[in-house]
N, C-alpha and C. Protein backbone atom coordinates (compact mmCIF):
# COMPACT_ATOMS: atom_id res chain seq x y z
N MET A 1 106.97 103.73 99.64
CA MET A 1 106.57 104.29 100.91
C MET A 1 107.58 105.32 101.40
N TYR A 2 108.84 105.14 101.08
CA TYR A 2 109.87 106.09 101.51
C TYR A 2 109.60 107.48 100.97
N THR A 3 109.19 107.59 99.71
CA THR A 3 108.95 108.90 99.13
C THR A 3 107.81 109.63 99.82
N SER A 4 106.81 108.90 100.32
CA SER A 4 105.69 109.57 100.99
C SER A 4 106.14 110.24 102.28
N PHE A 5 107.23 109.75 102.91
CA PHE A 5 107.71 110.36 104.14
C PHE A 5 108.53 111.62 103.86
N THR A 6 109.07 111.75 102.68
CA THR A 6 109.87 112.92 102.38
C THR A 6 109.02 114.07 101.86
N ARG A 7 107.81 113.77 101.43
CA ARG A 7 106.92 114.81 100.91
C ARG A 7 106.30 115.59 102.06
N GLN A 8 106.23 116.91 101.93
CA GLN A 8 105.63 117.76 102.94
C GLN A 8 104.11 117.65 102.86
N LEU A 9 103.48 117.40 104.01
CA LEU A 9 102.03 117.28 104.05
C LEU A 9 101.40 118.64 104.26
N LYS A 10 100.31 118.87 103.55
CA LYS A 10 99.55 120.10 103.72
C LYS A 10 98.14 119.70 104.12
N LEU A 11 97.88 119.66 105.42
CA LEU A 11 96.55 119.37 105.92
C LEU A 11 95.86 120.67 106.28
N SER A 12 94.61 120.79 105.88
CA SER A 12 93.85 121.97 106.25
C SER A 12 93.54 121.92 107.74
N TYR A 13 93.13 123.05 108.28
CA TYR A 13 92.77 123.10 109.69
C TYR A 13 91.65 122.11 109.98
N ARG A 14 90.65 122.04 109.10
CA ARG A 14 89.52 121.13 109.29
C ARG A 14 89.97 119.68 109.22
N GLU A 15 90.88 119.36 108.30
CA GLU A 15 91.41 118.00 108.22
C GLU A 15 92.15 117.63 109.50
N GLN A 16 92.87 118.58 110.07
CA GLN A 16 93.56 118.34 111.33
C GLN A 16 92.55 118.07 112.45
N GLU A 17 91.45 118.82 112.45
CA GLU A 17 90.40 118.59 113.45
C GLU A 17 89.81 117.19 113.30
N VAL A 18 89.50 116.82 112.06
CA VAL A 18 88.92 115.51 111.80
C VAL A 18 89.89 114.41 112.20
N LEU A 19 91.15 114.57 111.87
CA LEU A 19 92.16 113.58 112.24
C LEU A 19 92.25 113.42 113.75
N GLN A 20 92.20 114.52 114.47
CA GLN A 20 92.23 114.48 115.93
C GLN A 20 91.04 113.69 116.46
N LEU A 21 89.85 113.95 115.91
CA LEU A 21 88.65 113.25 116.36
C LEU A 21 88.70 111.76 116.00
N ILE A 22 89.25 111.44 114.84
CA ILE A 22 89.42 110.03 114.48
C ILE A 22 90.34 109.34 115.49
N SER A 23 91.37 110.06 115.92
CA SER A 23 92.30 109.47 116.90
C SER A 23 91.62 109.20 118.23
N TYR A 24 90.52 109.91 118.51
CA TYR A 24 89.74 109.67 119.72
C TYR A 24 88.59 108.70 119.46
N GLU A 25 88.64 108.00 118.32
CA GLU A 25 87.71 106.93 117.96
C GLU A 25 86.29 107.40 117.66
N TYR A 26 86.12 108.64 117.24
CA TYR A 26 84.80 109.10 116.82
C TYR A 26 84.50 108.59 115.43
N SER A 27 83.25 108.24 115.19
CA SER A 27 82.81 107.80 113.86
C SER A 27 82.62 109.02 112.97
N THR A 28 82.48 108.78 111.69
CA THR A 28 82.25 109.87 110.75
C THR A 28 80.97 110.61 111.09
N LYS A 29 79.95 109.88 111.47
CA LYS A 29 78.67 110.50 111.84
C LYS A 29 78.83 111.39 113.08
N GLU A 30 79.57 110.91 114.06
CA GLU A 30 79.81 111.69 115.28
C GLU A 30 80.66 112.92 114.98
N ILE A 31 81.64 112.78 114.11
CA ILE A 31 82.49 113.91 113.72
C ILE A 31 81.65 114.98 113.04
N ALA A 32 80.78 114.56 112.15
CA ALA A 32 79.90 115.52 111.46
C ALA A 32 79.07 116.29 112.48
N HIS A 33 78.51 115.59 113.44
CA HIS A 33 77.68 116.24 114.46
C HIS A 33 78.51 117.21 115.31
N LEU A 34 79.68 116.78 115.77
CA LEU A 34 80.52 117.62 116.62
C LEU A 34 81.01 118.88 115.91
N LEU A 35 81.30 118.76 114.61
CA LEU A 35 81.84 119.90 113.86
C LEU A 35 80.76 120.70 113.13
N HIS A 36 79.51 120.27 113.31
CA HIS A 36 78.37 120.95 112.67
C HIS A 36 78.52 121.02 111.15
N ILE A 37 78.90 119.88 110.58
CA ILE A 37 79.00 119.75 109.13
C ILE A 37 78.18 118.53 108.72
N CYS A 38 77.85 118.43 107.44
CA CYS A 38 77.06 117.28 107.01
C CYS A 38 77.95 116.03 106.94
N TYR A 39 77.29 114.89 106.98
CA TYR A 39 77.99 113.60 106.97
C TYR A 39 78.90 113.49 105.74
N GLU A 40 78.39 113.90 104.57
CA GLU A 40 79.17 113.79 103.34
C GLU A 40 80.46 114.59 103.40
N THR A 41 80.41 115.76 104.04
CA THR A 41 81.61 116.59 104.18
C THR A 41 82.62 115.90 105.10
N ALA A 42 82.15 115.37 106.21
CA ALA A 42 83.03 114.64 107.13
C ALA A 42 83.64 113.44 106.43
N HIS A 43 82.84 112.75 105.64
CA HIS A 43 83.32 111.58 104.89
C HIS A 43 84.39 112.00 103.87
N SER A 44 84.18 113.14 103.22
CA SER A 44 85.17 113.65 102.26
C SER A 44 86.48 113.99 102.94
N HIS A 45 86.41 114.59 104.13
CA HIS A 45 87.63 114.90 104.88
C HIS A 45 88.38 113.62 105.22
N ARG A 46 87.64 112.60 105.62
CA ARG A 46 88.25 111.31 105.96
C ARG A 46 88.93 110.70 104.74
N LYS A 47 88.25 110.73 103.58
CA LYS A 47 88.84 110.19 102.35
C LYS A 47 90.09 110.96 101.96
N ASN A 48 90.05 112.29 102.10
CA ASN A 48 91.22 113.10 101.76
C ASN A 48 92.39 112.79 102.69
N LEU A 49 92.10 112.57 103.96
CA LEU A 49 93.16 112.21 104.91
C LEU A 49 93.78 110.87 104.55
N LEU A 50 92.94 109.90 104.19
CA LEU A 50 93.47 108.59 103.78
C LEU A 50 94.42 108.75 102.61
N ARG A 51 94.02 109.56 101.64
CA ARG A 51 94.84 109.77 100.45
C ARG A 51 96.12 110.52 100.80
N LYS A 52 96.00 111.63 101.52
CA LYS A 52 97.17 112.44 101.84
C LYS A 52 98.17 111.70 102.72
N LEU A 53 97.67 110.88 103.63
CA LEU A 53 98.55 110.14 104.53
C LEU A 53 98.96 108.79 103.96
N ASP A 54 98.46 108.48 102.77
CA ASP A 54 98.77 107.23 102.08
C ASP A 54 98.50 106.03 103.00
N ALA A 55 97.28 106.03 103.57
CA ALA A 55 96.88 104.97 104.50
C ALA A 55 95.69 104.21 103.96
N LYS A 56 95.51 102.99 104.45
CA LYS A 56 94.40 102.14 104.02
C LYS A 56 93.20 102.24 104.94
N ASN A 57 93.43 102.64 106.19
CA ASN A 57 92.34 102.70 107.16
C ASN A 57 92.70 103.70 108.26
N ALA A 58 91.79 103.84 109.23
CA ALA A 58 91.99 104.81 110.30
C ALA A 58 93.24 104.51 111.13
N ALA A 59 93.50 103.24 111.39
CA ALA A 59 94.69 102.88 112.16
C ALA A 59 95.95 103.33 111.43
N GLY A 60 95.97 103.15 110.12
CA GLY A 60 97.11 103.60 109.33
C GLY A 60 97.27 105.10 109.35
N MET A 61 96.15 105.82 109.31
CA MET A 61 96.20 107.29 109.38
C MET A 61 96.84 107.74 110.68
N ILE A 62 96.42 107.13 111.77
CA ILE A 62 96.93 107.52 113.08
C ILE A 62 98.42 107.18 113.19
N ARG A 63 98.81 106.01 112.69
CA ARG A 63 100.23 105.62 112.72
C ARG A 63 101.08 106.63 111.98
N VAL A 64 100.67 106.96 110.75
CA VAL A 64 101.44 107.91 109.93
C VAL A 64 101.46 109.29 110.60
N ALA A 65 100.33 109.71 111.15
CA ALA A 65 100.26 111.02 111.82
C ALA A 65 101.24 111.08 112.99
N PHE A 66 101.35 110.01 113.76
CA PHE A 66 102.32 109.98 114.86
C PHE A 66 103.75 109.96 114.34
N GLU A 67 104.00 109.18 113.29
CA GLU A 67 105.35 109.12 112.73
C GLU A 67 105.81 110.46 112.20
N ARG A 68 104.87 111.27 111.71
CA ARG A 68 105.21 112.58 111.14
C ARG A 68 104.98 113.72 112.12
N ASN A 69 104.72 113.38 113.37
CA ASN A 69 104.49 114.38 114.42
C ASN A 69 103.33 115.33 114.09
N ILE A 70 102.31 114.80 113.46
CA ILE A 70 101.11 115.58 113.18
C ILE A 70 100.18 115.52 114.39
N LEU A 71 100.17 114.39 115.04
CA LEU A 71 99.37 114.21 116.28
C LEU A 71 100.29 114.13 117.47
């Protein structure tokens, strides 16, 4: 886990938008509607965020984002 904190994160603008909406407790379906993208695309952004932030769930994503000053 230590090495994941030293690695520089590269989140796309859209991933940052999705992460922000997740932090406001929006579902994937709601995020897709708000950003005018299909559900599958919103789901892909969520999966990419989980991988990039090395998290198991949305709570973990938000925790890591706060620890790294992303949110």
